[in-house]
Amino acid sequence: MSTSLSTEAGRRCAACKNQRRRCSGDCVLAPYFPASDPQRYACVQRIFGASNVARMLQSLPIQKRGKAADTMAVEAQRRVQDPVYGCAGIVGRLQGEIRAVQGELARTQAQIAVHAAVARAQQPALGAARLMNAPAPAAPPPLQQPAPAMAMQDPFQGLDALLVDDYRADINLPDDEMDTDQAGLLLK
């Protein structure tokens, strides 16, 4: 008799085992909630309810039931771990990380643009010096990194002045012939 009970228990799914009932051959939950993982079904049943899970799975085509059961299991597990936010908490955290990385990318691209503008401004001066057989001008002092507190306040510090200098170099105007405001921006 004990062998027949253990065989019957081996055939029951986690849902039928949880509800202490015999698992029929056409049990909709059996393929997705095996007896080997009772915790998975316990979370789903606690969050969604046994009848709702069975009804949702029965309403879907057979090929979509596996993904639906997996999705319900993940959502239920997250809701048990974080009762307030559930999956939305994870999504919000990941979106915050994406925003932080996008900000870092924008700062890095701005630094690249500044260094490229400095390099473009130095190239014509070096080329003219070589043509005149004059010694090359001394290298400009290295760019100083702003203090970390200042870097966070204004990551584009000095970019406007470099763009104005680059514009002046392109049109070959002396500094006093251009109209600029107090911040060094061109006035039209």
Protein backbone atom coordinates (compact mmCIF):
# COMPACT_ATOMS: atom_id res chain seq x y z
CA MET A 1 0.00 0.00 0.00
CA SER A 2 2.84 2.38 0.74
CA THR A 3 4.23 1.82 -2.77
CA SER A 4 0.96 2.84 -4.40
CA LEU A 5 0.81 6.02 -2.29
CA SER A 6 4.37 6.98 -3.17
CA THR A 7 3.67 6.35 -6.87
CA GLU A 8 0.50 8.42 -6.67
CA ALA A 9 2.39 11.20 -4.86
CA GLY A 10 5.06 11.13 -7.57
CA ARG A 11 2.42 11.76 -10.25
CA ARG A 12 0.78 14.69 -8.53
CA CYS A 13 1.76 18.19 -9.51
CA ALA A 14 2.69 20.82 -6.94
CA ALA A 15 -0.78 22.39 -7.22
CA CYS A 16 -2.64 19.16 -6.50
CA LYS A 17 -0.19 18.28 -3.75
CA ASN A 18 -0.71 21.71 -2.17
CA GLN A 19 -4.49 21.33 -2.31
CA ARG A 20 -4.31 17.67 -1.17
CA ARG A 21 -6.25 16.31 -4.09
CA ARG A 22 -5.69 13.63 -6.70
CA CYS A 23 -4.02 14.97 -9.86
CA SER A 24 -6.02 13.97 -12.92
CA GLY A 25 -4.42 13.25 -16.27
CA ASP A 26 -5.85 16.42 -17.77
CA CYS A 27 -4.63 18.74 -14.97
CA VAL A 28 -3.77 22.04 -16.64
CA LEU A 29 -1.22 22.91 -13.94
CA ALA A 30 0.78 19.65 -13.98
CA PRO A 31 3.18 20.46 -16.86
CA TYR A 32 4.07 23.88 -15.46
CA PHE A 33 4.18 23.28 -11.71
CA PRO A 34 5.90 19.92 -11.09
CA ALA A 35 5.96 18.35 -7.65
CA SER A 36 9.74 18.77 -7.56
CA ASP A 37 9.36 22.57 -7.14
CA PRO A 38 6.53 23.16 -4.64
CA GLN A 39 7.81 26.62 -3.66
CA ARG A 40 7.19 27.93 -7.18
CA TYR A 41 3.52 26.99 -7.06
CA ALA A 42 3.16 28.19 -3.45
CA CYS A 43 4.23 31.73 -4.46
CA VAL A 44 1.93 31.77 -7.50
CA GLN A 45 -1.02 30.44 -5.50
CA ARG A 46 -0.42 32.96 -2.71
CA ILE A 47 -0.36 35.96 -5.09
CA PHE A 48 -2.80 34.98 -7.86
CA GLY A 49 -4.95 32.26 -6.29
CA ALA A 50 -5.28 28.66 -7.47
CA SER A 51 -8.49 29.08 -9.48
CA ASN A 52 -7.23 32.25 -11.21
CA VAL A 53 -3.99 30.54 -12.27
CA ALA A 54 -5.89 27.55 -13.67
CA ARG A 55 -8.38 29.81 -15.45
CA MET A 56 -5.63 31.99 -16.99
CA LEU A 57 -3.72 28.96 -18.26
CA GLN A 58 -6.86 27.31 -19.69
CA SER A 59 -7.74 30.48 -21.60
CA LEU A 60 -4.39 30.47 -23.43
CA PRO A 61 -3.28 28.33 -26.38
CA ILE A 62 -1.11 25.39 -25.30
CA GLN A 63 2.06 26.83 -26.88
CA LYS A 64 1.78 30.02 -24.76
CA ARG A 65 1.00 28.39 -21.42
CA GLY A 66 4.63 27.66 -20.53
CA LYS A 67 5.69 31.29 -20.86
CA ALA A 68 2.59 32.44 -19.00
CA ALA A 69 3.33 30.06 -16.10
CA ASP A 70 6.96 31.22 -16.00
CA THR A 71 5.86 34.86 -16.03
CA MET A 72 3.36 34.31 -13.22
CA ALA A 73 6.03 32.49 -11.20
CA VAL A 74 8.56 35.33 -11.60
CA GLU A 75 6.00 38.03 -10.85
CA ALA A 76 4.74 36.16 -7.79
CA GLN A 77 8.27 35.58 -6.49
CA ARG A 78 9.12 39.28 -6.89
CA ARG A 79 5.86 40.31 -5.22
CA VAL A 80 6.63 38.03 -2.26
CA GLN A 81 10.15 39.49 -1.99
CA ASP A 82 8.97 43.11 -2.41
CA PRO A 83 5.28 43.40 -1.47
CA VAL A 84 5.08 47.12 -2.29
CA TYR A 85 6.70 47.38 -5.72
CA GLY A 86 7.13 43.80 -6.97
CA CYS A 87 8.48 43.70 -10.53
CA ALA A 88 7.97 47.46 -10.91
CA GLY A 89 10.69 48.05 -8.32
CA ILE A 90 13.20 46.14 -10.44
CA VAL A 91 12.10 47.97 -13.60
CA GLY A 92 12.45 51.35 -11.85
CA ARG A 93 15.92 50.49 -10.53
CA LEU A 94 17.07 49.40 -13.99
CA GLN A 95 15.66 52.57 -15.57
CA GLY A 96 17.59 54.62 -13.01
CA GLU A 97 20.79 52.76 -13.92
CA ILE A 98 20.12 53.44 -17.62
CA ARG A 99 19.66 57.16 -16.93
CA ALA A 100 22.91 57.26 -14.92
CA VAL A 101 24.85 55.52 -17.70
CA GLN A 102 23.33 57.83 -20.34
CA GLY A 103 24.43 60.85 -18.28
CA GLU A 104 27.93 59.43 -17.98
CA LEU A 105 27.97 58.82 -21.75
CA ALA A 106 26.91 62.43 -22.41
CA ARG A 107 29.68 63.73 -20.12
CA THR A 108 32.25 61.51 -21.83
CA GLN A 109 31.12 62.64 -25.29
CA ALA A 110 31.38 66.28 -24.17
CA GLN A 111 34.93 65.68 -22.94
CA ILE A 112 35.81 64.05 -26.26
CA ALA A 113 34.37 67.06 -28.10
CA VAL A 114 36.43 69.44 -25.95
CA HIS A 115 39.64 67.49 -26.56
CA ALA A 116 38.90 67.29 -30.29
CA ALA A 117 38.33 71.06 -30.43
CA VAL A 118 41.63 71.68 -28.62
CA ALA A 119 43.42 69.33 -31.02
CA ARG A 120 41.88 71.08 -34.06
CA ALA A 121 42.88 74.47 -32.69
CA GLN A 122 46.49 73.32 -32.20
CA GLN A 123 46.90 71.73 -35.65
CA PRO A 124 46.86 74.95 -37.78
CA ALA A 125 49.35 76.60 -35.44
CA LEU A 126 51.72 73.65 -35.68
CA GLY A 127 51.40 73.49 -39.48
CA ALA A 128 52.15 77.21 -39.95
CA ALA A 129 55.17 76.99 -37.66
CA ARG A 130 56.64 74.12 -39.68
CA LEU A 131 56.12 75.99 -42.96
CA MET A 132 58.03 78.99 -41.68
CA ASN A 133 60.87 76.78 -40.36
CA ALA A 134 60.26 78.25 -36.97
CA PRO A 135 60.44 76.19 -33.85
CA ALA A 136 57.13 74.75 -32.83
CA PRO A 137 55.37 76.66 -30.07
CA ALA A 138 55.57 75.28 -26.59
CA ALA A 139 52.90 72.80 -25.75
CA PRO A 140 50.00 74.30 -23.84
CA PRO A 141 49.72 73.34 -20.22
CA PRO A 142 47.78 70.13 -19.69
CA LEU A 143 44.07 70.49 -19.06
CA GLN A 144 43.39 70.58 -15.38
CA GLN A 145 40.66 68.34 -14.13
CA PRO A 146 38.08 70.27 -12.11
CA ALA A 147 37.53 69.30 -8.53
CA PRO A 148 35.01 66.43 -8.22
CA ALA A 149 32.38 68.74 -6.72
CA MET A 150 32.73 71.18 -9.64
CA ALA A 151 32.72 68.36 -12.20
CA MET A 152 29.33 67.20 -10.99
CA GLN A 153 27.90 70.75 -11.04
CA ASP A 154 28.95 71.69 -14.58
CA PRO A 155 30.35 68.85 -16.71
CA PHE A 156 30.52 71.18 -19.77
CA GLN A 157 32.61 73.89 -18.08
CA GLY A 158 34.65 75.82 -20.64
CA LEU A 159 33.00 74.22 -23.65
CA ASP A 160 31.40 77.50 -24.81
CA ALA A 161 34.74 79.33 -24.71
CA LEU A 162 36.42 76.58 -26.74
CA LEU A 163 33.66 76.65 -29.33
CA VAL A 164 34.00 80.45 -29.65
CA ASP A 165 37.79 80.11 -30.01
CA ASP A 166 37.28 77.40 -32.64
CA TYR A 167 34.82 79.68 -34.49
CA ARG A 168 37.31 82.58 -34.39
CA ALA A 169 40.04 80.35 -35.78
CA ASP A 170 37.76 79.23 -38.61
CA ILE A 171 36.89 82.76 -39.75
CA ASN A 172 40.32 84.28 -38.90
CA LEU A 173 38.99 87.28 -36.98
CA PRO A 174 40.97 88.94 -34.21
CA ASP A 175 39.42 88.69 -30.77
CA ASP A 176 38.45 92.36 -30.55
CA GLU A 177 36.36 92.35 -33.78
CA MET A 178 33.85 89.78 -32.50
CA ASP A 179 30.89 90.72 -30.36
CA THR A 180 30.58 88.45 -27.36
CA ASP A 181 28.58 88.65 -24.19
CA GLN A 182 30.02 88.29 -20.70
CA ALA A 183 29.92 84.50 -20.84
CA GLY A 184 31.96 84.48 -24.06
CA LEU A 185 29.03 83.51 -26.30
CA LEU A 186 28.70 85.03 -29.75
CA LEU A 187 26.08 87.72 -30.18
CA LYS A 188 24.30 87.88 -33.52
